[in-house]
Amino acid sequence: MLWAISCVDKPNGDAARAKVRDAHRDYLKSNKKVILLSGATLSDDGEPVGVLYVIKVSSRAEAQAWVDNEPFSSGGVFASVKVTRMRKGNFNPEVAEGE
């Protein structure tokens, strides 16, 4: 099953983010088998405001455990986290390649 996990940062969370950034990157590398897509969400002026993950795991409990163990989450960076089951519709990886 696919799960969209939308995370919103706490205000003024730059220090918390910097503290766990390396652990966050290591976590993503070690979990790349389940990550379909991940990336920072940005304000209109390009500042980070959160993260979006799309992961493939078997259950909501597994998706919640995955994000609970994600260092930005466990490190207190996020003000909110929403886990939503999703179905793959259209997928066009070539669109992302031009970024």
PDB file of N, CA and C in Angstrom:
ATOM      1  N   MET A   1       0.824  -1.182   0.000  1.00  0.00           N
ATOM      2  CA  MET A   1       0.000   0.000   0.000  1.00  0.00           C
ATOM      3  C   MET A   1       0.870   1.248   0.000  1.00  0.00           C
ATOM      4  N   LEU A   2       0.375   2.276  -0.656  1.00  0.00           N
ATOM      5  CA  LEU A   2       1.067   3.562  -0.642  1.00  0.00           C
ATOM      6  C   LEU A   2       0.469   4.453   0.434  1.00  0.00           C
ATOM      7  N   TRP A   3       1.343   5.235   1.042  1.00  0.00           N
ATOM      8  CA  TRP A   3       0.944   6.167   2.095  1.00  0.00           C
ATOM      9  C   TRP A   3       1.602   7.513   1.830  1.00  0.00           C
ATOM     10  N   ALA A   4       0.785   8.565   1.815  1.00  0.00           N
ATOM     11  CA  ALA A   4       1.295   9.928   1.721  1.00  0.00           C
ATOM     12  C   ALA A   4       1.415  10.449   3.139  1.00  0.00           C
ATOM     13  N   ILE A   5       2.582  10.937   3.476  1.00  0.00           N
ATOM     14  CA  ILE A   5       2.831  11.461   4.819  1.00  0.00           C
ATOM     15  C   ILE A   5       3.234  12.920   4.670  1.00  0.00           C
ATOM     16  N   SER A   6       2.345  13.794   5.117  1.00  0.00           N
ATOM     17  CA  SER A   6       2.561  15.234   5.008  1.00  0.00           C
ATOM     18  C   SER A   6       2.930  15.783   6.377  1.00  0.00           C
ATOM     19  N   CYS A   7       4.085  16.404   6.452  1.00  0.00           N
ATOM     20  CA  CYS A   7       4.605  16.921   7.716  1.00  0.00           C
ATOM     21  C   CYS A   7       4.784  18.431   7.608  1.00  0.00           C
ATOM     22  N   VAL A   8       4.347  19.145   8.632  1.00  0.00           N
ATOM     23  CA  VAL A   8       4.476  20.595   8.677  1.00  0.00           C
ATOM     24  C   VAL A   8       5.425  20.955   9.813  1.00  0.00           C
ATOM     25  N   ASP A   9       6.401  21.796   9.503  1.00  0.00           N
ATOM     26  CA  ASP A   9       7.395  22.199  10.499  1.00  0.00           C
ATOM     27  C   ASP A   9       6.799  23.095  11.575  1.00  0.00           C
ATOM     28  N   LYS A  10       7.401  23.026  12.758  1.00  0.00           N
ATOM     29  CA  LYS A  10       7.112  24.002  13.805  1.00  0.00           C
ATOM     30  C   LYS A  10       7.719  25.336  13.383  1.00  0.00           C
ATOM     31  N   PRO A  11       7.143  26.437  13.827  1.00  0.00           N
ATOM     32  CA  PRO A  11       7.761  27.738  13.533  1.00  0.00           C
ATOM     33  C   PRO A  11       9.160  27.816  14.136  1.00  0.00           C
ATOM     34  N   ASN A  12      10.042  28.484  13.456  1.00  0.00           N
ATOM     35  CA  ASN A  12      11.409  28.706  13.944  1.00  0.00           C
ATOM     36  C   ASN A  12      12.119  27.404  14.289  1.00  0.00           C
ATOM     37  N   GLY A  13      11.959  26.412  13.433  1.00  0.00           N
ATOM     38  CA  GLY A  13      12.529  25.093  13.711  1.00  0.00           C
ATOM     39  C   GLY A  13      13.885  24.841  13.085  1.00  0.00           C
ATOM     40  N   ASP A  14      14.546  25.891  12.628  1.00  0.00           N
ATOM     41  CA  ASP A  14      15.824  25.704  11.943  1.00  0.00           C
ATOM     42  C   ASP A  14      16.869  25.004  12.814  1.00  0.00           C
ATOM     43  N   ALA A  15      16.929  25.363  14.085  1.00  0.00           N
ATOM     44  CA  ALA A  15      17.933  24.760  14.977  1.00  0.00           C
ATOM     45  C   ALA A  15      17.650  23.278  15.181  1.00  0.00           C
ATOM     46  N   ALA A  16      16.381  22.932  15.392  1.00  0.00           N
ATOM     47  CA  ALA A  16      16.017  21.515  15.573  1.00  0.00           C
ATOM     48  C   ALA A  16      16.309  20.723  14.306  1.00  0.00           C
ATOM     49  N   ARG A  17      16.002  21.316  13.151  1.00  0.00           N
ATOM     50  CA  ARG A  17      16.253  20.656  11.865  1.00  0.00           C
ATOM     51  C   ARG A  17      17.749  20.414  11.668  1.00  0.00           C
ATOM     52  N   ALA A  18      18.557  21.434  11.934  1.00  0.00           N
ATOM     53  CA  ALA A  18      20.005  21.313  11.745  1.00  0.00           C
ATOM     54  C   ALA A  18      20.595  20.240  12.658  1.00  0.00           C
ATOM     55  N   LYS A  19      20.050  20.111  13.851  1.00  0.00           N
ATOM     56  CA  LYS A  19      20.566  19.159  14.836  1.00  0.00           C
ATOM     57  C   LYS A  19      20.417  17.708  14.385  1.00  0.00           C
ATOM     58  N   VAL A  20      19.347  17.419  13.636  1.00  0.00           N
ATOM     59  CA  VAL A  20      19.093  16.026  13.239  1.00  0.00           C
ATOM     60  C   VAL A  20      19.207  15.792  11.732  1.00  0.00           C
ATOM     61  N   ARG A  21      19.695  16.787  10.999  1.00  0.00           N
ATOM     62  CA  ARG A  21      19.754  16.681   9.534  1.00  0.00           C
ATOM     63  C   ARG A  21      20.550  15.459   9.057  1.00  0.00           C
ATOM     64  N   ASP A  22      21.717  15.220   9.632  1.00  0.00           N
ATOM     65  CA  ASP A  22      22.522  14.069   9.198  1.00  0.00           C
ATOM     66  C   ASP A  22      21.808  12.751   9.487  1.00  0.00           C
ATOM     67  N   ALA A  23      21.187  12.659  10.658  1.00  0.00           N
ATOM     68  CA  ALA A  23      20.448  11.439  10.997  1.00  0.00           C
ATOM     69  C   ALA A  23      19.254  11.263  10.051  1.00  0.00           C
ATOM     70  N   HIS A  24      18.600  12.363   9.694  1.00  0.00           N
ATOM     71  CA  HIS A  24      17.487  12.330   8.733  1.00  0.00           C
ATOM     72  C   HIS A  24      17.961  11.773   7.391  1.00  0.00           C
ATOM     73  N   ARG A  25      19.056  12.277   6.894  1.00  0.00           N
ATOM     74  CA  ARG A  25      19.584  11.808   5.602  1.00  0.00           C
ATOM     75  C   ARG A  25      19.972  10.335   5.663  1.00  0.00           C
ATOM     76  N   ASP A  26      20.593   9.925   6.764  1.00  0.00           N
ATOM     77  CA  ASP A  26      20.946   8.514   6.940  1.00  0.00           C
ATOM     78  C   ASP A  26      19.698   7.628   6.981  1.00  0.00           C
ATOM     79  N   TYR A  27      18.643   8.105   7.649  1.00  0.00           N
ATOM     80  CA  TYR A  27      17.390   7.356   7.737  1.00  0.00           C
ATOM     81  C   TYR A  27      16.787   7.164   6.351  1.00  0.00           C
ATOM     82  N   LEU A  28      16.778   8.222   5.557  1.00  0.00           N
ATOM     83  CA  LEU A  28      16.233   8.110   4.207  1.00  0.00           C
ATOM     84  C   LEU A  28      17.044   7.127   3.366  1.00  0.00           C
ATOM     85  N   LYS A  29      18.370   7.211   3.464  1.00  0.00           N
ATOM     86  CA  LYS A  29      19.216   6.270   2.711  1.00  0.00           C
ATOM     87  C   LYS A  29      18.958   4.830   3.133  1.00  0.00           C
ATOM     88  N   SER A  30      18.817   4.596   4.419  1.00  0.00           N
ATOM     89  CA  SER A  30      18.628   3.227   4.906  1.00  0.00           C
ATOM     90  C   SER A  30      17.218   2.702   4.640  1.00  0.00           C
ATOM     91  N   ASN A  31      16.294   3.580   4.281  1.00  0.00           N
ATOM     92  CA  ASN A  31      14.912   3.187   4.018  1.00  0.00           C
ATOM     93  C   ASN A  31      14.499   3.376   2.562  1.00  0.00           C
ATOM     94  N   LYS A  32      15.462   3.493   1.663  1.00  0.00           N
ATOM     95  CA  LYS A  32      15.136   3.810   0.279  1.00  0.00           C
ATOM     96  C   LYS A  32      14.285   2.735  -0.401  1.00  0.00           C
ATOM     97  N   LYS A  33      14.249   1.526   0.132  1.00  0.00           N
ATOM     98  CA  LYS A  33      13.432   0.465  -0.462  1.00  0.00           C
ATOM     99  C   LYS A  33      11.935   0.737  -0.335  1.00  0.00           C
ATOM    100  N   VAL A  34      11.529   1.582   0.618  1.00  0.00           N
ATOM    101  CA  VAL A  34      10.100   1.849   0.798  1.00  0.00           C
ATOM    102  C   VAL A  34       9.698   3.247   0.338  1.00  0.00           C
ATOM    103  N   ILE A  35      10.649   4.099   0.001  1.00  0.00           N
ATOM    104  CA  ILE A  35      10.337   5.484  -0.352  1.00  0.00           C
ATOM    105  C   ILE A  35      10.133   5.609  -1.860  1.00  0.00           C
ATOM    106  N   LEU A  36       8.911   5.962  -2.238  1.00  0.00           N
ATOM    107  CA  LEU A  36       8.617   6.237  -3.639  1.00  0.00           C
ATOM    108  C   LEU A  36       9.032   7.671  -3.980  1.00  0.00           C
ATOM    109  N   LEU A  37       8.764   8.590  -3.057  1.00  0.00           N
ATOM    110  CA  LEU A  37       9.037  10.003  -3.274  1.00  0.00           C
ATOM    111  C   LEU A  37       9.218  10.674  -1.927  1.00  0.00           C
ATOM    112  N   SER A  38      10.146  11.597  -1.851  1.00  0.00           N
ATOM    113  CA  SER A  38      10.273  12.413  -0.643  1.00  0.00           C
ATOM    114  C   SER A  38      10.884  13.748  -1.028  1.00  0.00           C
ATOM    115  N   GLY A  39      10.516  14.752  -0.281  1.00  0.00           N
ATOM    116  CA  GLY A  39      11.103  16.061  -0.532  1.00  0.00           C
ATOM    117  C   GLY A  39      10.517  17.113   0.380  1.00  0.00           C
ATOM    118  N   ALA A  40      11.263  18.207   0.496  1.00  0.00           N
ATOM    119  CA  ALA A  40      10.803  19.333   1.299  1.00  0.00           C
ATOM    120  C   ALA A  40       9.635  20.015   0.616  1.00  0.00           C
ATOM    121  N   THR A  41       8.674  20.452   1.404  1.00  0.00           N
ATOM    122  CA  THR A  41       7.629  21.330   0.890  1.00  0.00           C
ATOM    123  C   THR A  41       8.077  22.755   1.195  1.00  0.00           C
ATOM    124  N   LEU A  42       7.766  23.664   0.276  1.00  0.00           N
ATOM    125  CA  LEU A  42       8.311  25.015   0.344  1.00  0.00           C
ATOM    126  C   LEU A  42       7.214  26.067   0.314  1.00  0.00           C
ATOM    127  N   SER A  43       7.506  27.200   0.934  1.00  0.00           N
ATOM    128  CA  SER A  43       6.628  28.353   0.807  1.00  0.00           C
ATOM    129  C   SER A  43       6.787  28.917  -0.599  1.00  0.00           C
ATOM    130  N   ASP A  44       5.937  29.868  -0.964  1.00  0.00           N
ATOM    131  CA  ASP A  44       6.021  30.463  -2.297  1.00  0.00           C
ATOM    132  C   ASP A  44       7.367  31.128  -2.556  1.00  0.00           C
ATOM    133  N   ASP A  45       8.042  31.568  -1.488  1.00  0.00           N
ATOM    134  CA  ASP A  45       9.353  32.202  -1.674  1.00  0.00           C
ATOM    135  C   ASP A  45      10.513  31.216  -1.514  1.00  0.00           C
ATOM    136  N   GLY A  46      10.206  29.914  -1.456  1.00  0.00           N
ATOM    137  CA  GLY A  46      11.247  28.893  -1.479  1.00  0.00           C
ATOM    138  C   GLY A  46      11.793  28.458  -0.136  1.00  0.00           C
ATOM    139  N   GLU A  47      11.169  28.888   0.955  1.00  0.00           N
ATOM    140  CA  GLU A  47      11.634  28.482   2.282  1.00  0.00           C
ATOM    141  C   GLU A  47      10.972  27.166   2.696  1.00  0.00           C
ATOM    142  N   PRO A  48      11.734  26.249   3.327  1.00  0.00           N
ATOM    143  CA  PRO A  48      11.148  24.981   3.769  1.00  0.00           C
ATOM    144  C   PRO A  48      10.040  25.196   4.800  1.00  0.00           C
ATOM    145  N   VAL A  49       8.931  24.474   4.605  1.00  0.00           N
ATOM    146  CA  VAL A  49       7.825  24.535   5.564  1.00  0.00           C
ATOM    147  C   VAL A  49       7.421  23.141   6.049  1.00  0.00           C
ATOM    148  N   GLY A  50       8.053  22.122   5.506  1.00  0.00           N
ATOM    149  CA  GLY A  50       7.724  20.761   5.910  1.00  0.00           C
ATOM    150  C   GLY A  50       8.331  19.750   4.963  1.00  0.00           C
ATOM    151  N   VAL A  51       7.757  18.553   4.971  1.00  0.00           N
ATOM    152  CA  VAL A  51       8.246  17.454   4.144  1.00  0.00           C
ATOM    153  C   VAL A  51       7.047  16.633   3.680  1.00  0.00           C
ATOM    154  N   LEU A  52       7.146  16.096   2.467  1.00  0.00           N
ATOM    155  CA  LEU A  52       6.165  15.145   1.968  1.00  0.00           C
ATOM    156  C   LEU A  52       6.888  13.845   1.641  1.00  0.00           C
ATOM    157  N   TYR A  53       6.363  12.750   2.156  1.00  0.00           N
ATOM    158  CA  TYR A  53       6.879  11.421   1.842  1.00  0.00           C
ATOM    159  C   TYR A  53       5.752  10.620   1.203  1.00  0.00           C
ATOM    160  N   VAL A  54       6.071   9.816   0.217  1.00  0.00           N
ATOM    161  CA  VAL A  54       5.163   8.783  -0.266  1.00  0.00           C
ATOM    162  C   VAL A  54       5.947   7.483  -0.111  1.00  0.00           C
ATOM    163  N   ILE A  55       5.419   6.610   0.745  1.00  0.00           N
ATOM    164  CA  ILE A  55       6.123   5.361   1.050  1.00  0.00           C
ATOM    165  C   ILE A  55       5.207   4.172   0.766  1.00  0.00           C
ATOM    166  N   LYS A  56       5.825   3.015   0.573  1.00  0.00           N
ATOM    167  CA  LYS A  56       5.081   1.783   0.351  1.00  0.00           C
ATOM    168  C   LYS A  56       5.374   0.827   1.497  1.00  0.00           C
ATOM    169  N   VAL A  57       4.377   0.658   2.356  1.00  0.00           N
ATOM    170  CA  VAL A  57       4.440  -0.294   3.469  1.00  0.00           C
ATOM    171  C   VAL A  57       3.084  -0.975   3.579  1.00  0.00           C
ATOM    172  N   SER A  58       2.974  -1.975   4.414  1.00  0.00           N
ATOM    173  CA  SER A  58       1.793  -2.838   4.446  1.00  0.00           C
ATOM    174  C   SER A  58       0.583  -2.298   5.208  1.00  0.00           C
ATOM    175  N   SER A  59       0.801  -1.361   6.125  1.00  0.00           N
ATOM    176  CA  SER A  59      -0.325  -0.938   6.963  1.00  0.00           C
ATOM    177  C   SER A  59      -0.127   0.488   7.468  1.00  0.00           C
ATOM    178  N   ARG A  60      -1.239   1.060   7.955  1.00  0.00           N
ATOM    179  CA  ARG A  60      -1.168   2.389   8.573  1.00  0.00           C
ATOM    180  C   ARG A  60      -0.216   2.371   9.771  1.00  0.00           C
ATOM    181  N   ALA A  61      -0.294   1.312  10.555  1.00  0.00           N
ATOM    182  CA  ALA A  61       0.581   1.214  11.730  1.00  0.00           C
ATOM    183  C   ALA A  61       2.053   1.242  11.314  1.00  0.00           C
ATOM    184  N   GLU A  62       2.370   0.557  10.232  1.00  0.00           N
ATOM    185  CA  GLU A  62       3.752   0.547   9.746  1.00  0.00           C
ATOM    186  C   GLU A  62       4.158   1.919   9.209  1.00  0.00           C
ATOM    187  N   ALA A  63       3.242   2.602   8.518  1.00  0.00           N
ATOM    188  CA  ALA A  63       3.526   3.952   8.023  1.00  0.00           C
ATOM    189  C   ALA A  63       3.723   4.914   9.185  1.00  0.00           C
ATOM    190  N   GLN A  64       2.881   4.798  10.204  1.00  0.00           N
ATOM    191  CA  GLN A  64       3.007   5.675  11.370  1.00  0.00           C
ATOM    192  C   GLN A  64       4.316   5.400  12.100  1.00  0.00           C
ATOM    193  N   ALA A  65       4.666   4.146  12.261  1.00  0.00           N
ATOM    194  CA  ALA A  65       5.936   3.805  12.913  1.00  0.00           C
ATOM    195  C   ALA A  65       7.111   4.341  12.111  1.00  0.00           C
ATOM    196  N   TRP A  66       7.006   4.259  10.780  1.00  0.00           N
ATOM    197  CA  TRP A  66       8.082   4.761   9.919  1.00  0.00           C
ATOM    198  C   TRP A  66       8.305   6.249  10.152  1.00  0.00           C
ATOM    199  N   VAL A  67       7.242   7.021  10.139  1.00  0.00           N
ATOM    200  CA  VAL A  67       7.402   8.468  10.330  1.00  0.00           C
ATOM    201  C   VAL A  67       7.744   8.799  11.782  1.00  0.00           C
ATOM    202  N   ASP A  68       7.248   8.038  12.744  1.00  0.00           N
ATOM    203  CA  ASP A  68       7.610   8.287  14.145  1.00  0.00           C
ATOM    204  C   ASP A  68       9.107   8.116  14.367  1.00  0.00           C
ATOM    205  N   ASN A  69       9.728   7.192  13.612  1.00  0.00           N
ATOM    206  CA  ASN A  69      11.165   6.940  13.735  1.00  0.00           C
ATOM    207  C   ASN A  69      12.015   7.842  12.859  1.00  0.00           C
ATOM    208  N   GLU A  70      11.389   8.600  11.970  1.00  0.00           N
ATOM    209  CA  GLU A  70      12.103   9.536  11.106  1.00  0.00           C
ATOM    210  C   GLU A  70      12.695  10.636  11.999  1.00  0.00           C
ATOM    211  N   PRO A  71      13.987  10.916  11.913  1.00  0.00           N
ATOM    212  CA  PRO A  71      14.634  11.831  12.846  1.00  0.00           C
ATOM    213  C   PRO A  71      14.049  13.247  12.908  1.00  0.00           C
ATOM    214  N   PHE A  72      13.521  13.775  11.808  1.00  0.00           N
ATOM    215  CA  PHE A  72      12.870  15.084  11.896  1.00  0.00           C
ATOM    216  C   PHE A  72      11.638  14.992  12.790  1.00  0.00           C
ATOM    217  N   SER A  73      10.929  13.864  12.713  1.00  0.00           N
ATOM    218  CA  SER A  73       9.744  13.672  13.543  1.00  0.00           C
ATOM    219  C   SER A  73      10.127  13.436  15.002  1.00  0.00           C
ATOM    220  N   SER A  74      10.989  12.461  15.238  1.00  0.00           N
ATOM    221  CA  SER A  74      11.389  12.155  16.615  1.00  0.00           C
ATOM    222  C   SER A  74      12.232  13.269  17.228  1.00  0.00           C
ATOM    223  N   GLY A  75      12.853  14.106  16.384  1.00  0.00           N
ATOM    224  CA  GLY A  75      13.675  15.215  16.866  1.00  0.00           C
ATOM    225  C   GLY A  75      12.904  16.501  17.113  1.00  0.00           C
ATOM    226  N   GLY A  76      11.591  16.464  16.955  1.00  0.00           N
ATOM    227  CA  GLY A  76      10.778  17.618  17.293  1.00  0.00           C
ATOM    228  C   GLY A  76      10.700  18.705  16.241  1.00  0.00           C
ATOM    229  N   VAL A  77      11.016  18.396  14.985  1.00  0.00           N
ATOM    230  CA  VAL A  77      10.967  19.404  13.920  1.00  0.00           C
ATOM    231  C   VAL A  77       9.521  19.689  13.502  1.00  0.00           C
ATOM    232  N   PHE A  78       8.660  18.671  13.531  1.00  0.00           N
ATOM    233  CA  PHE A  78       7.327  18.816  12.969  1.00  0.00           C
ATOM    234  C   PHE A  78       6.288  19.261  13.992  1.00  0.00           C
ATOM    235  N   ALA A  79       5.430  20.181  13.555  1.00  0.00           N
ATOM    236  CA  ALA A  79       4.273  20.593  14.353  1.00  0.00           C
ATOM    237  C   ALA A  79       3.125  19.619  14.148  1.00  0.00           C
ATOM    238  N   SER A  80       3.027  19.069  12.921  1.00  0.00           N
ATOM    239  CA  SER A  80       1.958  18.119  12.635  1.00  0.00           C
ATOM    240  C   SER A  80       2.403  17.123  11.585  1.00  0.00           C
ATOM    241  N   VAL A  81       1.794  15.949  11.654  1.00  0.00           N
ATOM    242  CA  VAL A  81       2.057  14.866  10.709  1.00  0.00           C
ATOM    243  C   VAL A  81       0.715  14.241  10.355  1.00  0.00           C
ATOM    244  N   LYS A  82       0.450  14.097   9.058  1.00  0.00           N
ATOM    245  CA  LYS A  82      -0.781  13.466   8.605  1.00  0.00           C
ATOM    246  C   LYS A  82      -0.427  12.296   7.701  1.00  0.00           C
ATOM    247  N   VAL A  83      -0.922  11.116   8.031  1.00  0.00           N
ATOM    248  CA  VAL A  83      -0.688   9.894   7.267  1.00  0.00           C
ATOM    249  C   VAL A  83      -1.985   9.549   6.538  1.00  0.00           C
ATOM    250  N   THR A  84      -1.904   9.452   5.199  1.00  0.00           N
ATOM    251  CA  THR A  84      -3.084   9.185   4.387  1.00  0.00           C
ATOM    252  C   THR A  84      -2.789   8.064   3.398  1.00  0.00           C
ATOM    253  N   ARG A  85      -3.646   7.067   3.391  1.00  0.00           N
ATOM    254  CA  ARG A  85      -3.506   5.994   2.411  1.00  0.00           C
ATOM    255  C   ARG A  85      -3.831   6.559   1.026  1.00  0.00           C
ATOM    256  N   MET A  86      -3.098   6.112   0.022  1.00  0.00           N
ATOM    257  CA  MET A  86      -3.352   6.619  -1.322  1.00  0.00           C
ATOM    258  C   MET A  86      -3.256   5.495  -2.345  1.00  0.00           C
ATOM    259  N   ARG A  87      -3.806   5.779  -3.500  1.00  0.00           N
ATOM    260  CA  ARG A  87      -3.731   4.858  -4.633  1.00  0.00           C
ATOM    261  C   ARG A  87      -2.914   5.550  -5.722  1.00  0.00           C
ATOM    262  N   LYS A  88      -2.016   4.816  -6.342  1.00  0.00           N
ATOM    263  CA  LYS A  88      -1.238   5.387  -7.441  1.00  0.00           C
ATOM    264  C   LYS A  88      -2.164   5.610  -8.620  1.00  0.00           C
ATOM    265  N   GLY A  89      -2.151   6.831  -9.127  1.00  0.00           N
ATOM    266  CA  GLY A  89      -2.897   7.153 -10.337  1.00  0.00           C
ATOM    267  C   GLY A  89      -1.896   7.308 -11.459  1.00  0.00           C
ATOM    268  N   ASN A  90      -1.643   8.505 -11.835  1.00  0.00           N
ATOM    269  CA  ASN A  90      -0.649   8.790 -12.867  1.00  0.00           C
ATOM    270  C   ASN A  90       0.718   8.944 -12.225  1.00  0.00           C
ATOM    271  N   PHE A  91       1.718   8.467 -12.918  1.00  0.00           N
ATOM    272  CA  PHE A  91       3.092   8.589 -12.434  1.00  0.00           C
ATOM    273  C   PHE A  91       3.977   8.870 -13.637  1.00  0.00           C
ATOM    274  N   ASN A  92       4.667   9.987 -13.620  1.00  0.00           N
ATOM    275  CA  ASN A  92       5.499  10.389 -14.737  1.00  0.00           C
ATOM    276  C   ASN A  92       6.849  10.886 -14.205  1.00  0.00           C
ATOM    277  N   PRO A  93       7.798   9.982 -14.006  1.00  0.00           N
ATOM    278  CA  PRO A  93       9.088  10.388 -13.433  1.00  0.00           C
ATOM    279  C   PRO A  93       9.869  11.373 -14.300  1.00  0.00           C
ATOM    280  N   GLU A  94       9.596  11.400 -15.592  1.00  0.00           N
ATOM    281  CA  GLU A  94      10.323  12.325 -16.480  1.00  0.00           C
ATOM    282  C   GLU A  94      10.036  13.777 -16.128  1.00  0.00           C
ATOM    283  N   VAL A  95       8.867  14.061 -15.584  1.00  0.00           N
ATOM    284  CA  VAL A  95       8.520  15.439 -15.222  1.00  0.00           C
ATOM    285  C   VAL A  95       9.486  15.962 -14.156  1.00  0.00           C
ATOM    286  N   ALA A  96       9.829  15.139 -13.198  1.00  0.00           N
ATOM    287  CA  ALA A  96      10.715  15.557 -12.112  1.00  0.00           C
ATOM    288  C   ALA A  96      12.156  15.742 -12.562  1.00  0.00           C
ATOM    289  N   GLU A  97      12.555  15.092 -13.629  1.00  0.00           N
ATOM    290  CA  GLU A  97      13.939  15.130 -14.060  1.00  0.00           C
ATOM    291  C   GLU A  97      14.406  16.514 -14.490  1.00  0.00           C
ATOM    292  N   GLY A  98      13.489  17.399 -14.884  1.00  0.00           N
ATOM    293  CA  GLY A  98      13.869  18.724 -15.349  1.00  0.00           C
ATOM    294  C   GLY A  98      14.142  19.729 -14.248  1.00  0.00           C
ATOM    295  N   GLU A  99      13.906  19.366 -12.995  1.00  0.00           N
ATOM    296  CA  GLU A  99      14.084  20.297 -11.865  1.00  0.00           C
ATOM    297  C   GLU A  99      15.537  20.595 -11.626  1.00  0.00           C
TER     298      GLU A  99
END
